[in-house]
Protein backbone atom coordinates (compact mmCIF):
# COMPACT_ATOMS: atom_id res chain seq x y z
CA MET A 1 123.45 85.93 107.76
CA ARG A 2 121.23 88.68 106.89
CA ALA A 3 117.49 89.86 105.94
CA MET A 4 115.86 92.33 104.69
CA VAL A 5 112.12 93.08 105.52
CA MET A 6 110.15 95.12 103.80
CA ALA A 7 107.87 97.49 105.73
CA ALA A 8 107.19 99.86 103.01
CA GLY A 9 103.81 99.58 102.21
CA VAL A 10 101.12 101.78 102.70
CA GLY A 11 98.17 99.13 103.76
CA THR A 12 95.37 100.52 102.21
CA ARG A 13 93.27 97.49 102.60
CA LEU A 14 93.69 98.03 106.65
CA ARG A 15 92.28 101.39 106.57
CA PRO A 16 91.02 102.99 108.86
CA LEU A 17 93.61 101.04 111.21
CA THR A 18 96.41 102.35 109.17
CA CYS A 19 95.71 106.02 108.26
CA THR A 20 98.04 107.42 110.58
CA ILE A 21 100.36 104.44 110.94
CA PRO A 22 102.03 102.26 108.57
CA LYS A 23 100.89 98.68 108.42
CA PRO A 24 104.01 96.99 110.04
CA MET A 25 103.17 99.19 113.48
CA VAL A 26 100.15 97.47 113.41
CA PRO A 27 100.01 95.76 116.79
CA VAL A 28 98.98 92.22 117.40
CA ALA A 29 99.11 90.53 121.21
CA ASN A 30 99.89 94.13 121.76
CA SER A 31 102.97 94.27 119.80
CA PRO A 32 103.64 95.50 116.27
CA VAL A 33 103.53 93.09 114.01
CA LEU A 34 107.10 93.75 113.03
CA GLU A 35 108.25 92.97 115.89
CA HIS A 36 106.93 90.00 116.08
CA VAL A 37 108.64 89.49 112.01
CA PHE A 38 112.20 90.47 114.03
CA ASN A 39 111.74 87.72 116.56
CA LEU A 40 111.11 85.10 114.57
CA LEU A 41 114.41 85.76 112.38
CA LYS A 42 116.21 85.74 115.99
CA ARG A 43 115.52 82.46 116.76
CA HIS A 44 116.88 81.43 113.39
CA GLN A 45 120.22 83.60 113.91
CA ILE A 46 119.35 86.33 111.64
CA ASN A 47 120.30 89.50 113.50
CA GLU A 48 121.40 91.89 111.24
CA ILE A 49 118.34 93.46 109.22
CA VAL A 50 117.58 96.04 106.42
CA VAL A 51 114.06 97.49 107.07
CA ASN A 52 112.65 99.75 104.11
CA LEU A 53 110.75 102.39 104.97
CA HIS A 54 108.10 104.85 103.48
CA PHE A 55 105.00 106.01 105.41
CA GLN A 56 105.36 107.80 108.49
CA PRO A 57 108.83 106.05 108.62
CA HIS A 58 109.59 107.77 112.10
CA LEU A 59 107.24 105.62 113.96
CA VAL A 60 109.54 102.63 112.97
CA ARG A 61 112.48 104.30 113.35
CA GLU A 62 111.40 105.86 117.04
CA TYR A 63 110.06 102.36 118.18
CA PHE A 64 112.79 99.93 117.16
CA GLY A 65 115.77 102.58 117.19
CA ASP A 66 118.63 100.75 116.18
CA GLY A 67 117.38 97.53 117.58
CA SER A 68 119.62 96.83 120.23
CA LYS A 69 116.79 96.41 122.81
CA PHE A 70 114.89 93.70 120.42
CA GLY A 71 118.27 92.03 120.13
CA VAL A 72 119.11 92.91 116.48
CA LYS A 73 120.85 95.44 114.65
CA ILE A 74 118.70 97.03 111.83
CA PHE A 75 119.62 99.13 109.23
CA TYR A 76 116.57 101.76 107.23
CA SER A 77 116.16 102.08 103.81
CA PRO A 78 113.98 105.27 103.22
CA GLU A 79 112.18 104.91 99.84
CA GLU A 80 110.90 108.35 98.99
CA THR A 81 109.35 106.66 95.97
CA LEU A 82 108.02 103.51 96.11
CA MET A 83 110.84 101.06 94.46
CA GLY A 84 108.71 97.75 94.70
CA THR A 85 109.49 94.52 95.98
CA ALA A 86 112.68 93.67 94.02
CA GLY A 87 113.59 97.57 93.20
CA GLY A 88 113.80 98.20 96.76
CA VAL A 89 116.04 95.25 97.39
CA LYS A 90 118.24 95.86 94.65
CA LYS A 91 118.81 99.78 96.11
CA VAL A 92 120.50 98.09 99.24
CA GLU A 93 122.29 95.61 97.37
CA GLN A 94 125.26 96.63 99.30
CA TYR A 95 124.32 95.19 102.22
CA PHE A 96 123.94 91.39 100.87
CA ASN A 97 127.38 89.60 99.57
CA ASP A 98 126.36 86.21 100.56
CA THR A 99 122.81 83.82 100.68
CA PHE A 100 120.39 86.50 102.18
CA LEU A 101 116.49 86.38 103.38
CA VAL A 102 113.76 88.82 102.18
CA MET A 103 110.27 88.51 104.23
CA SER A 104 107.56 90.57 104.56
CA GLY A 105 107.23 92.88 107.73
CA ASP A 106 103.40 92.56 107.74
CA GLY A 107 103.02 88.75 108.39
CA MET A 108 102.32 86.58 111.17
CA SER A 109 104.92 83.54 110.81
CA ASN A 110 106.29 80.47 112.35
CA VAL A 111 107.77 79.45 109.46
CA ASP A 112 111.25 77.15 110.14
CA LEU A 113 113.55 79.59 108.39
CA THR A 114 116.47 77.45 108.94
CA ALA A 115 114.92 74.72 106.96
CA ALA A 116 113.93 77.01 103.99
CA ILE A 117 117.65 77.92 104.36
CA GLU A 118 119.09 73.92 103.91
CA PHE A 119 116.67 73.36 101.46
CA HIS A 120 117.63 76.45 99.22
CA LYS A 121 121.42 75.61 99.59
CA LYS A 122 120.68 71.79 99.01
CA ARG A 123 119.25 72.81 95.77
CA LYS A 124 121.87 75.24 95.04
CA ALA A 125 119.10 77.70 94.03
CA LEU A 126 119.13 81.06 93.04
CA ALA A 127 115.87 81.99 94.22
CA THR A 128 113.79 80.26 96.95
CA ILE A 129 109.88 81.00 97.31
CA VAL A 130 108.39 79.53 100.77
CA LEU A 131 105.03 78.38 99.73
CA LYS A 132 102.13 77.66 102.00
CA PRO A 133 98.57 75.77 100.80
CA VAL A 134 95.80 77.77 101.71
CA ASP A 135 91.87 77.68 100.47
CA TYR A 136 91.72 81.02 98.32
CA PRO A 137 94.81 81.79 96.69
CA LEU A 138 93.79 84.67 94.63
CA GLU A 139 95.67 87.49 97.01
CA TYR A 140 98.71 85.76 96.33
CA GLY A 141 100.85 84.35 93.40
CA VAL A 142 100.34 80.89 93.15
CA VAL A 143 103.12 77.99 91.92
CA ILE A 144 103.83 74.73 90.40
CA THR A 145 106.54 72.58 91.06
CA ASP A 146 108.07 69.32 89.92
CA LYS A 147 109.02 66.55 92.28
CA LYS A 148 112.08 68.28 93.20
CA GLY A 149 110.77 71.64 94.24
CA LYS A 150 111.97 73.47 90.75
CA VAL A 151 109.27 76.17 89.76
CA THR A 152 107.53 75.22 86.68
CA ARG A 153 104.89 77.64 86.78
CA PHE A 154 104.09 81.06 88.54
CA LEU A 155 101.19 83.49 88.29
CA GLU A 156 100.75 86.47 90.79
CA LYS A 157 97.39 87.30 91.86
CA PRO A 158 95.73 84.92 89.58
CA ALA A 159 91.67 85.61 88.89
CA TRP A 160 89.80 82.02 89.65
CA GLY A 161 89.79 81.21 86.09
CA GLU A 162 93.75 81.14 86.12
CA VAL A 163 93.99 79.68 89.23
CA PHE A 164 96.29 76.01 88.72
CA SER A 165 97.54 75.15 92.08
CA ASN A 166 96.63 76.11 96.06
CA ALA A 167 100.16 76.84 96.62
CA ALA A 168 100.47 80.43 97.47
CA ASN A 169 103.56 83.12 97.32
CA THR A 170 104.14 83.63 101.18
CA GLY A 171 106.11 86.56 100.37
CA ILE A 172 108.99 84.82 101.81
CA TYR A 173 112.44 84.59 99.61
CA ILE A 174 115.68 83.26 99.49
CA PHE A 175 118.63 84.62 97.51
CA GLU A 176 121.89 84.02 96.29
CA PRO A 177 123.44 87.34 95.98
CA GLU A 178 123.94 86.59 92.22
CA ILE A 179 120.32 87.54 91.86
CA PHE A 180 120.90 91.24 91.63
CA ASP A 181 122.68 90.67 87.95
CA GLU A 182 118.62 89.67 87.19
CA MET A 183 117.59 93.35 88.97
CA PRO A 184 117.88 97.05 87.10
CA TYR A 185 118.99 99.48 89.31
CA GLY A 186 116.84 102.89 90.00
CA GLU A 187 113.44 101.10 89.06
CA ASN A 188 110.23 100.29 90.11
CA TYR A 189 110.53 96.17 90.38
CA ASP A 190 108.53 93.78 91.37
CA PHE A 191 109.47 89.59 92.25
CA GLY A 192 105.92 88.28 91.63
CA HIS A 193 105.46 90.39 88.30
CA GLN A 194 108.74 90.34 87.12
CA LEU A 195 111.79 88.59 88.53
CA PHE A 196 110.26 85.13 88.81
CA PRO A 197 108.35 85.16 85.15
CA LYS A 198 111.92 86.13 84.44
CA LEU A 199 113.56 83.43 86.05
CA LEU A 200 111.21 80.82 84.62
CA GLU A 201 111.70 82.15 80.90
CA LYS A 202 115.69 81.38 81.48
CA ASN A 203 115.07 78.42 83.11
CA ALA A 204 117.32 79.84 86.25
CA PRO A 205 117.38 77.62 89.81
CA LEU A 206 113.94 78.70 90.95
CA TYR A 207 112.73 76.67 94.06
CA GLY A 208 109.68 76.18 96.19
CA TYR A 209 110.00 75.39 99.81
CA VAL A 210 106.61 74.12 100.62
CA THR A 211 105.38 74.91 104.66
CA ASP A 212 102.49 73.37 106.49
CA GLU A 213 103.56 75.90 109.22
CA TYR A 214 101.24 78.94 110.09
CA TRP A 215 101.71 81.80 107.68
CA CYS A 216 99.21 84.38 107.52
CA ASP A 217 99.93 87.70 105.58
CA ILE A 218 97.59 90.51 107.36
CA GLY A 219 96.24 92.29 104.26
CA ASP A 220 92.69 93.06 105.24
CA LEU A 221 90.81 93.51 108.56
CA ILE A 222 88.90 90.10 108.33
CA GLU A 223 92.50 88.43 108.50
CA TYR A 224 93.46 91.06 110.90
CA ARG A 225 90.90 89.79 113.78
CA GLN A 226 91.55 86.27 112.81
CA THR A 227 95.42 86.48 113.12
CA HIS A 228 94.78 87.41 117.00
CA TYR A 229 92.35 84.30 117.21
CA SER A 230 95.25 82.10 116.00
CA VAL A 231 97.96 83.76 118.46
CA LEU A 232 95.44 83.19 121.64
CA ARG A 233 94.93 79.88 120.59
CA GLY A 234 98.31 78.90 120.49
CA GLU A 235 98.54 78.23 116.78
CA VAL A 236 101.74 81.37 116.23
CA GLY A 237 103.85 79.92 118.06
CA ILE A 238 104.60 83.19 120.10
CA ASP A 239 105.36 84.32 124.02
CA LEU A 240 102.36 86.15 124.82
CA PRO A 241 103.32 89.51 127.23
CA GLY A 242 102.13 89.77 131.02
CA GLU A 243 102.02 86.60 133.43
CA GLU A 244 99.44 83.49 132.91
CA ILE A 245 97.39 83.86 135.82
CA SER A 246 95.13 80.95 135.12
CA PRO A 247 95.40 78.25 131.86
CA GLY A 248 94.68 80.65 128.30
CA ILE A 249 94.54 83.82 130.68
CA TRP A 250 97.25 86.70 129.70
CA VAL A 251 97.37 89.72 132.31
CA GLY A 252 100.11 92.73 132.05
CA GLU A 253 101.74 94.20 135.22
CA GLY A 254 99.42 96.58 137.02
CA THR A 255 96.13 95.74 135.83
CA GLN A 256 93.55 95.38 138.10
CA ILE A 257 90.76 92.77 137.76
CA HIS A 258 87.30 93.03 139.61
CA PRO A 259 86.53 90.06 142.00
CA GLN A 260 83.22 90.21 140.33
CA ALA A 261 84.61 90.34 136.52
CA ILE A 262 84.19 87.23 134.39
CA LEU A 263 87.65 86.04 132.42
CA LYS A 264 87.12 82.93 129.92
CA ALA A 265 90.55 82.00 128.21
CA PRO A 266 91.71 82.41 125.65
CA VAL A 267 91.78 86.32 126.89
CA LEU A 268 94.85 88.49 126.67
CA ILE A 269 94.82 91.98 128.67
CA GLY A 270 97.81 94.59 128.86
CA LYS A 271 99.25 96.38 131.82
CA ASN A 272 97.63 98.86 133.76
CA CYS A 273 94.23 98.41 133.08
CA VAL A 274 91.10 98.30 134.82
CA ILE A 275 88.05 95.70 134.65
CA GLU A 276 85.07 96.59 136.43
CA LYS A 277 82.44 94.64 138.69
CA GLY A 278 80.38 92.21 136.27
CA VAL A 279 82.68 92.64 133.13
CA HIS A 280 82.73 89.50 131.14
CA ILE A 281 85.46 89.03 128.87
CA SER A 282 85.65 85.35 126.35
CA ASP A 283 86.38 84.30 123.41
CA SER A 284 90.02 85.17 121.89
CA THR A 285 89.42 88.95 122.87
CA THR A 286 93.21 90.25 123.07
CA ILE A 287 92.86 94.21 125.34
CA GLY A 288 96.00 96.56 124.72
CA ASP A 289 97.48 98.54 127.40
CA ASP A 290 96.11 101.34 129.86
CA CYS A 291 92.68 100.52 128.83
CA TYR A 292 89.50 100.94 131.25
CA ILE A 293 86.49 98.07 130.83
CA GLY A 294 82.60 99.69 132.30
CA GLN A 295 80.89 98.00 134.73
CA GLY A 296 78.56 95.13 133.04
CA THR A 297 80.32 95.29 129.89
CA SER A 298 80.24 91.93 127.79
CA ILE A 299 83.19 91.72 125.07
CA LYS A 300 83.50 88.82 122.90
CA ARG A 301 85.98 88.39 119.69
CA GLY A 302 87.10 91.79 120.68
CA VAL A 303 90.73 93.76 119.42
CA PHE A 304 91.15 96.70 121.64
CA TRP A 305 94.82 98.64 121.18
CA ASP A 306 96.37 100.93 123.61
CA LYS A 307 94.14 103.79 125.91
CA CYS A 308 90.64 102.40 125.73
CA TYR A 309 88.13 103.74 127.28
CA VAL A 310 84.23 101.73 127.19
CA SER A 311 82.02 102.69 129.29
CA LYS A 312 79.20 100.62 131.24
CA TYR A 313 77.25 98.03 129.81
CA ASN A 314 78.46 97.77 126.28
CA GLU A 315 78.01 94.74 124.52
CA LEU A 316 81.16 94.41 122.49
CA ARG A 317 81.17 91.51 119.60
CA GLY A 318 84.03 90.90 116.82
CA CYS A 319 84.66 94.38 116.51
CA VAL A 320 87.90 96.39 116.63
CA LEU A 321 88.93 99.35 118.51
CA GLY A 322 92.05 101.41 117.93
CA LYS A 323 94.02 103.40 119.88
CA ASN A 324 92.42 106.04 122.40
CA VAL A 325 88.87 105.35 121.66
CA SER A 326 86.07 106.31 123.87
CA THR A 327 82.44 104.88 124.39
CA GLU A 328 79.43 105.97 126.70
CA ALA A 329 77.29 103.42 128.13
CA ASN A 330 75.01 100.87 126.67
CA VAL A 331 76.75 100.94 123.40
CA THR A 332 76.39 97.93 120.95
CA MET A 333 79.33 97.08 118.51
CA PHE A 334 78.82 93.90 116.25
CA GLU A 335 81.12 91.61 113.99
CA GLY A 336 82.99 93.98 111.52
CA ALA A 337 82.82 97.57 113.09
CA ILE A 338 85.81 99.29 113.12
CA ILE A 339 86.51 102.54 115.35
CA SER A 340 90.12 103.60 114.43
CA ASN A 341 92.43 105.98 116.68
CA ASP A 342 90.79 108.61 118.79
């Protein structure tokens, strides 16, 4: 079985973190979110993947290559002009002559894809949308299904007055190749705004598979930080890099931690870091590779990318530091502060 991973988005709501890198390359637990998507697909024996690209496509190609180092085979589909979610899939329909899966390249999930595919085939569906109940559905398509799971109503990104369900569209879809007959070629075409309403109007076999497993669209800076906290609490079901030196504390190879530094789980520290005397790191903090944390600094709920230099006696709370960021002594940063790369 093959999958299409949508990785062409610009990620405007994650700026300034996405000013110089595409959204799927934003790190979560010190690996690009796109790598976590590939790992989920591999766990469900989906090893051949088509990836569409648009913004800074060379960064994705340079990191993943043909996919062999990651245990998958990758085909790339560059889009000079964005084709929309459905249009991007239609562009590469030659890769899909059997049941196939489509999912976003910027979401974290442990959804049981195998169970979703079995549901799809059992219902003899043309299209199946994976649904997740959420508290705030405004950023997603909302869906109502009947007792057998057939979709009876769909609305993309409703206003509060239009919300009729808390079952959100996760952006994970399963299709039969006949779906291409419903999609125009060479046009910007969207699943939520155009294809699914069309299928509903025709009473086509469009189904919804509801999951209670973890799923999060890393759509904005708040969700980005929250995803890290969920990962470190074990809610996402991914393997963390490094050695677990004590329960809930993962440390990468070559990292030096002063005996008088204090680490309180859960914490993830990357490779080749230096943690100086009197440093206190706690409350679901993630620190990337090649970082330096100066004497007496206190960090809680931080997300630091690679090559950060933090001077002594900093107090950092709930902030994000991009790659190659440096601070001077006695800096204080609180919830929501974002420092972009360099």
